[in-house]
Amino acid sequence: MFTSFAIMFALLSFLAGANACIECPARVKVDGSTSHLHETFPTDQFTYCSYDNVHLIGDDSSVGCAYDNETGKLSLGYQSCPATATVKNNC
């Protein structure tokens, strides 16, 4: 489910050539276990944060959160994604 989401944001980031203004949270809790930030995919409107956890299997082993670059608010993502992310002043 999130694999196609990650591919879409990766492609958009290369096409847009935008710099991210979001600092993705370093960790997200998934099923009681901590998943760590793996990659960040910035686009001109959103930043997608991808998290991996080798201790989980199936869809929960890799989850994602997408944040609005201007507000830092969660736009789309896993249920335990933080509601906001830090917006950087210098992109």
C-alpha atoms as a PDB file:
ATOM      1  CA  MET A   1       0.000   0.000   0.000  1.00  0.00           C
ATOM      2  CA  PHE A   2       2.639   2.537   1.018  1.00  0.00           C
ATOM      3  CA  THR A   3       5.121   1.167  -1.514  1.00  0.00           C
ATOM      4  CA  SER A   4       3.264   2.746  -4.441  1.00  0.00           C
ATOM      5  CA  PHE A   5       2.827   5.900  -2.328  1.00  0.00           C
ATOM      6  CA  ALA A   6       6.606   6.049  -1.779  1.00  0.00           C
ATOM      7  CA  ILE A   7       7.347   5.506  -5.465  1.00  0.00           C
ATOM      8  CA  MET A   8       4.915   8.262  -6.435  1.00  0.00           C
ATOM      9  CA  PHE A   9       6.533  10.776  -4.074  1.00  0.00           C
ATOM     10  CA  ALA A  10      10.039   9.751  -5.132  1.00  0.00           C
ATOM     11  CA  LEU A  11       9.197  10.383  -8.772  1.00  0.00           C
ATOM     12  CA  LEU A  12       7.520  13.684  -7.988  1.00  0.00           C
ATOM     13  CA  SER A  13      10.526  14.842  -5.993  1.00  0.00           C
ATOM     14  CA  PHE A  14      12.843  14.280  -8.943  1.00  0.00           C
ATOM     15  CA  LEU A  15      10.447  15.991 -11.338  1.00  0.00           C
ATOM     16  CA  ALA A  16       9.765  18.965  -9.107  1.00  0.00           C
ATOM     17  CA  GLY A  17      13.353  19.464  -8.009  1.00  0.00           C
ATOM     18  CA  ALA A  18      12.083  21.123  -4.832  1.00  0.00           C
ATOM     19  CA  ASN A  19      13.884  21.431  -1.529  1.00  0.00           C
ATOM     20  CA  ALA A  20      12.094  20.118   1.533  1.00  0.00           C
ATOM     21  CA  CYS A  21      11.100  22.558   4.227  1.00  0.00           C
ATOM     22  CA  ILE A  22      10.009  19.793   6.589  1.00  0.00           C
ATOM     23  CA  GLU A  23      12.148  18.008   9.156  1.00  0.00           C
ATOM     24  CA  CYS A  24      10.643  14.532   9.401  1.00  0.00           C
ATOM     25  CA  PRO A  25      10.209  13.108  12.895  1.00  0.00           C
ATOM     26  CA  ALA A  26      13.061  10.666  13.582  1.00  0.00           C
ATOM     27  CA  ARG A  27      10.794   7.902  14.885  1.00  0.00           C
ATOM     28  CA  VAL A  28       7.199   6.665  14.659  1.00  0.00           C
ATOM     29  CA  LYS A  29       5.566   4.028  16.884  1.00  0.00           C
ATOM     30  CA  VAL A  30       4.055   1.177  14.874  1.00  0.00           C
ATOM     31  CA  ASP A  31       2.309  -1.699  16.656  1.00  0.00           C
ATOM     32  CA  GLY A  32       4.147  -0.888  19.896  1.00  0.00           C
ATOM     33  CA  SER A  33       7.554  -0.917  18.202  1.00  0.00           C
ATOM     34  CA  THR A  34       9.690   2.018  17.100  1.00  0.00           C
ATOM     35  CA  SER A  35      10.153   2.563  13.363  1.00  0.00           C
ATOM     36  CA  HIS A  36      13.052   4.772  12.282  1.00  0.00           C
ATOM     37  CA  LEU A  37      13.211   7.344   9.497  1.00  0.00           C
ATOM     38  CA  HIS A  38      14.603   5.703   6.370  1.00  0.00           C
ATOM     39  CA  GLU A  39      14.142   8.283   3.600  1.00  0.00           C
ATOM     40  CA  THR A  40      12.645  11.684   2.932  1.00  0.00           C
ATOM     41  CA  PHE A  41      11.014  12.533  -0.398  1.00  0.00           C
ATOM     42  CA  PRO A  42      10.365  16.273  -0.823  1.00  0.00           C
ATOM     43  CA  THR A  43       8.074  17.722  -3.467  1.00  0.00           C
ATOM     44  CA  ASP A  44       7.056  21.339  -3.974  1.00  0.00           C
ATOM     45  CA  GLN A  45       3.907  20.913  -1.840  1.00  0.00           C
ATOM     46  CA  PHE A  46       4.507  17.910   0.458  1.00  0.00           C
ATOM     47  CA  THR A  47       7.333  16.019   2.111  1.00  0.00           C
ATOM     48  CA  TYR A  48       6.970  12.266   2.406  1.00  0.00           C
ATOM     49  CA  CYS A  49       8.752  10.572   5.318  1.00  0.00           C
ATOM     50  CA  SER A  50       9.395   6.832   4.986  1.00  0.00           C
ATOM     51  CA  TYR A  51       9.957   4.669   8.092  1.00  0.00           C
ATOM     52  CA  ASP A  52      11.282   1.099   8.345  1.00  0.00           C
ATOM     53  CA  ASN A  53      11.263  -1.456  11.134  1.00  0.00           C
ATOM     54  CA  VAL A  54      13.038  -4.808  10.708  1.00  0.00           C
ATOM     55  CA  HIS A  55      11.173  -6.210  13.721  1.00  0.00           C
ATOM     56  CA  LEU A  56       7.764  -5.964  12.011  1.00  0.00           C
ATOM     57  CA  ILE A  57       6.444  -7.959   9.067  1.00  0.00           C
ATOM     58  CA  GLY A  58       3.985  -7.208   6.291  1.00  0.00           C
ATOM     59  CA  ASP A  59       2.607  -3.746   5.565  1.00  0.00           C
ATOM     60  CA  ASP A  60       3.671  -2.417   8.979  1.00  0.00           C
ATOM     61  CA  SER A  61       7.401  -3.014   8.315  1.00  0.00           C
ATOM     62  CA  SER A  62       7.479   0.117   6.143  1.00  0.00           C
ATOM     63  CA  VAL A  63       5.111   3.032   6.726  1.00  0.00           C
ATOM     64  CA  GLY A  64       4.922   6.615   5.552  1.00  0.00           C
ATOM     65  CA  CYS A  65       3.763  10.071   6.580  1.00  0.00           C
ATOM     66  CA  ALA A  66       3.211  13.033   4.242  1.00  0.00           C
ATOM     67  CA  TYR A  67       3.439  16.589   5.606  1.00  0.00           C
ATOM     68  CA  ASP A  68       2.413  19.903   4.062  1.00  0.00           C
ATOM     69  CA  ASN A  69       5.599  21.945   3.456  1.00  0.00           C
ATOM     70  CA  GLU A  70       4.050  25.252   4.509  1.00  0.00           C
ATOM     71  CA  THR A  71       2.178  24.240   7.656  1.00  0.00           C
ATOM     72  CA  GLY A  72       3.958  21.060   8.750  1.00  0.00           C
ATOM     73  CA  LYS A  73       0.567  19.385   9.247  1.00  0.00           C
ATOM     74  CA  LEU A  74       0.082  15.714   8.430  1.00  0.00           C
ATOM     75  CA  SER A  75      -1.691  15.363   5.079  1.00  0.00           C
ATOM     76  CA  LEU A  76      -1.686  11.601   4.657  1.00  0.00           C
ATOM     77  CA  GLY A  77      -0.075   8.678   6.389  1.00  0.00           C
ATOM     78  CA  TYR A  78      -0.012   5.867   8.898  1.00  0.00           C
ATOM     79  CA  GLN A  79      -2.367   6.171  11.873  1.00  0.00           C
ATOM     80  CA  SER A  80       0.405   6.848  14.407  1.00  0.00           C
ATOM     81  CA  CYS A  81       2.221   9.521  12.373  1.00  0.00           C
ATOM     82  CA  PRO A  82       2.723  12.687  14.443  1.00  0.00           C
ATOM     83  CA  ALA A  83       0.092  15.320  13.607  1.00  0.00           C
ATOM     84  CA  THR A  84       2.777  17.896  12.788  1.00  0.00           C
ATOM     85  CA  ALA A  85       6.407  18.062  11.713  1.00  0.00           C
ATOM     86  CA  THR A  86       8.953  20.852  12.141  1.00  0.00           C
ATOM     87  CA  VAL A  87       8.971  23.404   9.326  1.00  0.00           C
ATOM     88  CA  LYS A  88      12.521  24.599   8.572  1.00  0.00           C
ATOM     89  CA  ASN A  89      13.091  28.287   7.880  1.00  0.00           C
ATOM     90  CA  ASN A  90      16.069  27.746   5.573  1.00  0.00           C
ATOM     91  CA  CYS A  91      15.322  25.279   2.828  1.00  0.00           C
END
